[in-house]
Amino acid sequence: MSNENLKLSRQGCFRLYTAARLLIQVYQPWFAQLGITYTQYLVLMVLWEQDGLPLNAISRRLYLESNTLTPLIKRMEAMKMVVRKKNKDDARQTIVTLTEHGRALQQQAAVIPDCMTSVLRERGMSDEEFIAMIPTLDHLIEALSDKKSEA
């Protein structure tokens, strides 16, 4: 009794999971040089765009639950990348701000997107192919999320 729908070759989720895992592996050497993880890189990118954000705004932007993000931010604070402070207008809210070290990492990380593009080109993927996937992935994220993107 074979169910065609259960074949791995028919699973889009497998392709997305594998592509994400392999992309993060390619990023890893650059992150190792900076002493950060992929998820820390995502938090830093959000704060490089707009520093001094409430924790819940970072959480919404990255589609991460606060119970995932809070320990990550605490580790980043211990590594002197960010500081957390209570909002003076609303003590229930935690504001996350970059430190000098966190801001300096932006300069060091600036080469990563171009390096990644070069790797993809070397492995046979054109810029156009990669860019063409973004709207479809954004649509999938929106369809699967009950949160609205702030991007």
C-alpha atoms as a PDB file:
ATOM      1  CA  MET A   1       0.000   0.000   0.000  1.00  0.00           C
ATOM      2  CA  SER A   2       1.870   3.055  -1.277  1.00  0.00           C
ATOM      3  CA  ASN A   3       0.800   6.628  -0.759  1.00  0.00           C
ATOM      4  CA  GLU A   4       2.338   8.885  -3.412  1.00  0.00           C
ATOM      5  CA  ASN A   5       1.788  11.969  -1.235  1.00  0.00           C
ATOM      6  CA  LEU A   6       4.158  10.589   1.405  1.00  0.00           C
ATOM      7  CA  LYS A   7       7.154  10.244  -0.908  1.00  0.00           C
ATOM      8  CA  LEU A   8      10.036  12.507   0.046  1.00  0.00           C
ATOM      9  CA  SER A   9      10.374  13.593  -3.582  1.00  0.00           C
ATOM     10  CA  ARG A  10       6.901  15.190  -3.355  1.00  0.00           C
ATOM     11  CA  GLN A  11       7.589  17.215  -0.207  1.00  0.00           C
ATOM     12  CA  GLY A  12       8.146  20.947  -0.584  1.00  0.00           C
ATOM     13  CA  CYS A  13       8.824  21.194   3.145  1.00  0.00           C
ATOM     14  CA  PHE A  14      11.838  18.911   2.767  1.00  0.00           C
ATOM     15  CA  ARG A  15      13.290  21.150   0.078  1.00  0.00           C
ATOM     16  CA  LEU A  16      12.778  24.290   2.165  1.00  0.00           C
ATOM     17  CA  TYR A  17      14.291  22.688   5.274  1.00  0.00           C
ATOM     18  CA  THR A  18      17.290  21.347   3.348  1.00  0.00           C
ATOM     19  CA  ALA A  19      17.890  24.615   1.489  1.00  0.00           C
ATOM     20  CA  ALA A  20      17.765  26.594   4.752  1.00  0.00           C
ATOM     21  CA  ARG A  21      20.122  24.181   6.499  1.00  0.00           C
ATOM     22  CA  LEU A  22      22.611  24.226   3.605  1.00  0.00           C
ATOM     23  CA  LEU A  23      22.473  28.038   3.297  1.00  0.00           C
ATOM     24  CA  ILE A  24      23.276  28.396   6.994  1.00  0.00           C
ATOM     25  CA  GLN A  25      26.191  25.952   6.572  1.00  0.00           C
ATOM     26  CA  VAL A  26      27.623  28.139   3.815  1.00  0.00           C
ATOM     27  CA  TYR A  27      27.259  31.234   6.026  1.00  0.00           C
ATOM     28  CA  GLN A  28      28.942  29.512   8.974  1.00  0.00           C
ATOM     29  CA  PRO A  29      32.619  30.414   8.264  1.00  0.00           C
ATOM     30  CA  TRP A  30      31.777  34.136   8.147  1.00  0.00           C
ATOM     31  CA  PHE A  31      29.757  33.890  11.348  1.00  0.00           C
ATOM     32  CA  ALA A  32      32.610  32.009  13.034  1.00  0.00           C
ATOM     33  CA  GLN A  33      34.969  34.882  12.177  1.00  0.00           C
ATOM     34  CA  LEU A  34      32.534  37.294  13.837  1.00  0.00           C
ATOM     35  CA  GLY A  35      31.858  34.972  16.771  1.00  0.00           C
ATOM     36  CA  ILE A  36      28.099  34.909  16.139  1.00  0.00           C
ATOM     37  CA  THR A  37      25.371  32.462  15.164  1.00  0.00           C
ATOM     38  CA  TYR A  38      22.930  32.792  12.301  1.00  0.00           C
ATOM     39  CA  THR A  39      20.109  33.814  14.623  1.00  0.00           C
ATOM     40  CA  GLN A  40      22.322  36.433  16.268  1.00  0.00           C
ATOM     41  CA  TYR A  41      23.108  37.742  12.773  1.00  0.00           C
ATOM     42  CA  LEU A  42      19.379  38.134  12.124  1.00  0.00           C
ATOM     43  CA  VAL A  43      18.905  40.085  15.372  1.00  0.00           C
ATOM     44  CA  LEU A  44      21.887  42.280  14.534  1.00  0.00           C
ATOM     45  CA  MET A  45      20.518  43.000  11.052  1.00  0.00           C
ATOM     46  CA  VAL A  46      17.206  44.131  12.555  1.00  0.00           C
ATOM     47  CA  LEU A  47      19.036  46.424  14.998  1.00  0.00           C
ATOM     48  CA  TRP A  48      21.410  47.743  12.325  1.00  0.00           C
ATOM     49  CA  GLU A  49      18.318  48.859  10.424  1.00  0.00           C
ATOM     50  CA  GLN A  50      16.692  50.399  13.493  1.00  0.00           C
ATOM     51  CA  ASP A  51      18.462  50.441  16.847  1.00  0.00           C
ATOM     52  CA  GLY A  52      16.711  50.636  20.198  1.00  0.00           C
ATOM     53  CA  LEU A  53      13.744  48.394  19.444  1.00  0.00           C
ATOM     54  CA  PRO A  54      11.433  46.719  21.916  1.00  0.00           C
ATOM     55  CA  LEU A  55      12.026  42.997  22.243  1.00  0.00           C
ATOM     56  CA  ASN A  56       8.520  42.262  20.965  1.00  0.00           C
ATOM     57  CA  ALA A  57       9.189  44.277  17.776  1.00  0.00           C
ATOM     58  CA  ILE A  58      12.324  42.217  17.084  1.00  0.00           C
ATOM     59  CA  SER A  59      10.314  39.080  17.797  1.00  0.00           C
ATOM     60  CA  ARG A  60       7.612  40.066  15.284  1.00  0.00           C
ATOM     61  CA  ARG A  61      10.149  41.070  12.636  1.00  0.00           C
ATOM     62  CA  LEU A  62      11.973  37.728  12.860  1.00  0.00           C
ATOM     63  CA  TYR A  63       8.862  35.584  13.370  1.00  0.00           C
ATOM     64  CA  LEU A  64      10.375  34.253  16.605  1.00  0.00           C
ATOM     65  CA  GLU A  65       8.564  33.733  19.877  1.00  0.00           C
ATOM     66  CA  SER A  66       9.824  35.781  22.821  1.00  0.00           C
ATOM     67  CA  ASN A  67      10.735  32.587  24.706  1.00  0.00           C
ATOM     68  CA  THR A  68      13.174  31.826  21.859  1.00  0.00           C
ATOM     69  CA  LEU A  69      14.430  35.373  21.486  1.00  0.00           C
ATOM     70  CA  THR A  70      14.912  36.299  25.163  1.00  0.00           C
ATOM     71  CA  PRO A  71      17.692  33.768  25.906  1.00  0.00           C
ATOM     72  CA  LEU A  72      19.362  34.694  22.604  1.00  0.00           C
ATOM     73  CA  ILE A  73      19.336  38.402  23.494  1.00  0.00           C
ATOM     74  CA  LYS A  74      20.689  37.579  26.972  1.00  0.00           C
ATOM     75  CA  ARG A  75      23.625  35.703  25.384  1.00  0.00           C
ATOM     76  CA  MET A  76      24.209  38.638  23.027  1.00  0.00           C
ATOM     77  CA  GLU A  77      24.227  40.954  26.035  1.00  0.00           C
ATOM     78  CA  ALA A  78      26.786  38.732  27.791  1.00  0.00           C
ATOM     79  CA  MET A  79      28.888  38.951  24.597  1.00  0.00           C
ATOM     80  CA  LYS A  80      28.651  42.781  24.766  1.00  0.00           C
ATOM     81  CA  MET A  81      26.754  43.107  21.469  1.00  0.00           C
ATOM     82  CA  VAL A  82      23.572  44.583  22.917  1.00  0.00           C
ATOM     83  CA  VAL A  83      22.155  46.004  26.129  1.00  0.00           C
ATOM     84  CA  ARG A  84      18.641  45.511  27.453  1.00  0.00           C
ATOM     85  CA  LYS A  85      16.819  48.221  29.354  1.00  0.00           C
ATOM     86  CA  LYS A  86      13.281  48.601  30.589  1.00  0.00           C
ATOM     87  CA  ASN A  87      11.292  51.188  28.670  1.00  0.00           C
ATOM     88  CA  LYS A  88      10.999  54.243  30.920  1.00  0.00           C
ATOM     89  CA  ASP A  89       7.424  54.806  29.680  1.00  0.00           C
ATOM     90  CA  ASP A  90       6.320  51.173  30.013  1.00  0.00           C
ATOM     91  CA  ALA A  91       8.282  48.973  32.438  1.00  0.00           C
ATOM     92  CA  ARG A  92       6.734  45.841  30.904  1.00  0.00           C
ATOM     93  CA  GLN A  93       8.656  46.513  27.709  1.00  0.00           C
ATOM     94  CA  THR A  94      12.361  45.690  27.210  1.00  0.00           C
ATOM     95  CA  ILE A  95      14.322  47.844  24.753  1.00  0.00           C
ATOM     96  CA  VAL A  96      17.309  46.275  22.994  1.00  0.00           C
ATOM     97  CA  THR A  97      20.112  48.593  21.900  1.00  0.00           C
ATOM     98  CA  LEU A  98      23.397  47.907  20.145  1.00  0.00           C
ATOM     99  CA  THR A  99      26.670  48.455  21.964  1.00  0.00           C
ATOM    100  CA  GLU A 100      29.766  49.822  20.252  1.00  0.00           C
ATOM    101  CA  HIS A 101      30.831  46.215  19.656  1.00  0.00           C
ATOM    102  CA  GLY A 102      27.433  45.419  18.115  1.00  0.00           C
ATOM    103  CA  ARG A 103      27.693  48.432  15.831  1.00  0.00           C
ATOM    104  CA  ALA A 104      31.285  47.521  14.883  1.00  0.00           C
ATOM    105  CA  LEU A 105      30.142  44.062  13.796  1.00  0.00           C
ATOM    106  CA  GLN A 106      28.114  45.732  11.045  1.00  0.00           C
ATOM    107  CA  GLN A 107      31.296  46.885   9.318  1.00  0.00           C
ATOM    108  CA  GLN A 108      32.774  43.396   9.559  1.00  0.00           C
ATOM    109  CA  ALA A 109      29.558  41.740   8.348  1.00  0.00           C
ATOM    110  CA  ALA A 110      29.149  44.086   5.392  1.00  0.00           C
ATOM    111  CA  VAL A 111      30.981  41.656   3.075  1.00  0.00           C
ATOM    112  CA  ILE A 112      28.774  38.659   3.892  1.00  0.00           C
ATOM    113  CA  PRO A 113      25.926  39.266   1.378  1.00  0.00           C
ATOM    114  CA  ASP A 114      28.362  39.715  -1.536  1.00  0.00           C
ATOM    115  CA  CYS A 115      30.366  36.666  -0.442  1.00  0.00           C
ATOM    116  CA  MET A 116      27.188  34.621  -0.294  1.00  0.00           C
ATOM    117  CA  THR A 117      26.154  35.813  -3.758  1.00  0.00           C
ATOM    118  CA  SER A 118      29.579  34.791  -5.074  1.00  0.00           C
ATOM    119  CA  VAL A 119      29.234  31.313  -3.570  1.00  0.00           C
ATOM    120  CA  LEU A 120      25.810  30.872  -5.166  1.00  0.00           C
ATOM    121  CA  ARG A 121      27.169  32.002  -8.544  1.00  0.00           C
ATOM    122  CA  GLU A 122      30.119  29.607  -8.250  1.00  0.00           C
ATOM    123  CA  ARG A 123      27.641  26.800  -7.588  1.00  0.00           C
ATOM    124  CA  GLY A 124      25.554  27.614 -10.661  1.00  0.00           C
ATOM    125  CA  MET A 125      22.755  29.836  -9.341  1.00  0.00           C
ATOM    126  CA  SER A 126      22.275  33.219 -10.976  1.00  0.00           C
ATOM    127  CA  ASP A 127      21.424  36.375  -9.065  1.00  0.00           C
ATOM    128  CA  GLU A 128      18.129  36.490 -10.966  1.00  0.00           C
ATOM    129  CA  GLU A 129      17.164  32.949  -9.909  1.00  0.00           C
ATOM    130  CA  PHE A 130      17.837  33.703  -6.268  1.00  0.00           C
ATOM    131  CA  ILE A 131      16.052  37.068  -6.327  1.00  0.00           C
ATOM    132  CA  ALA A 132      13.053  35.528  -8.126  1.00  0.00           C
ATOM    133  CA  MET A 133      12.460  33.199  -5.147  1.00  0.00           C
ATOM    134  CA  ILE A 134      12.096  36.017  -2.611  1.00  0.00           C
ATOM    135  CA  PRO A 135       8.488  37.068  -3.382  1.00  0.00           C
ATOM    136  CA  THR A 136       7.346  33.434  -3.352  1.00  0.00           C
ATOM    137  CA  LEU A 137       9.086  32.800  -0.027  1.00  0.00           C
ATOM    138  CA  ASP A 138       7.626  36.019   1.405  1.00  0.00           C
ATOM    139  CA  HIS A 139       4.169  34.886   0.301  1.00  0.00           C
ATOM    140  CA  LEU A 140       4.696  31.471   1.905  1.00  0.00           C
ATOM    141  CA  ILE A 141       5.836  33.085   5.169  1.00  0.00           C
ATOM    142  CA  GLU A 142       2.785  35.337   5.214  1.00  0.00           C
ATOM    143  CA  ALA A 143       0.455  32.464   4.374  1.00  0.00           C
ATOM    144  CA  LEU A 144       1.835  30.313   7.197  1.00  0.00           C
ATOM    145  CA  SER A 145       2.156  33.060   9.786  1.00  0.00           C
ATOM    146  CA  ASP A 146      -0.588  34.594  11.823  1.00  0.00           C
ATOM    147  CA  LYS A 147       1.573  37.708  12.179  1.00  0.00           C
ATOM    148  CA  LYS A 148       1.781  40.439   9.596  1.00  0.00           C
ATOM    149  CA  SER A 149       5.226  41.329   8.304  1.00  0.00           C
ATOM    150  CA  GLU A 150       6.656  44.713   9.222  1.00  0.00           C
ATOM    151  CA  ALA A 151       9.090  44.694   6.315  1.00  0.00           C
END
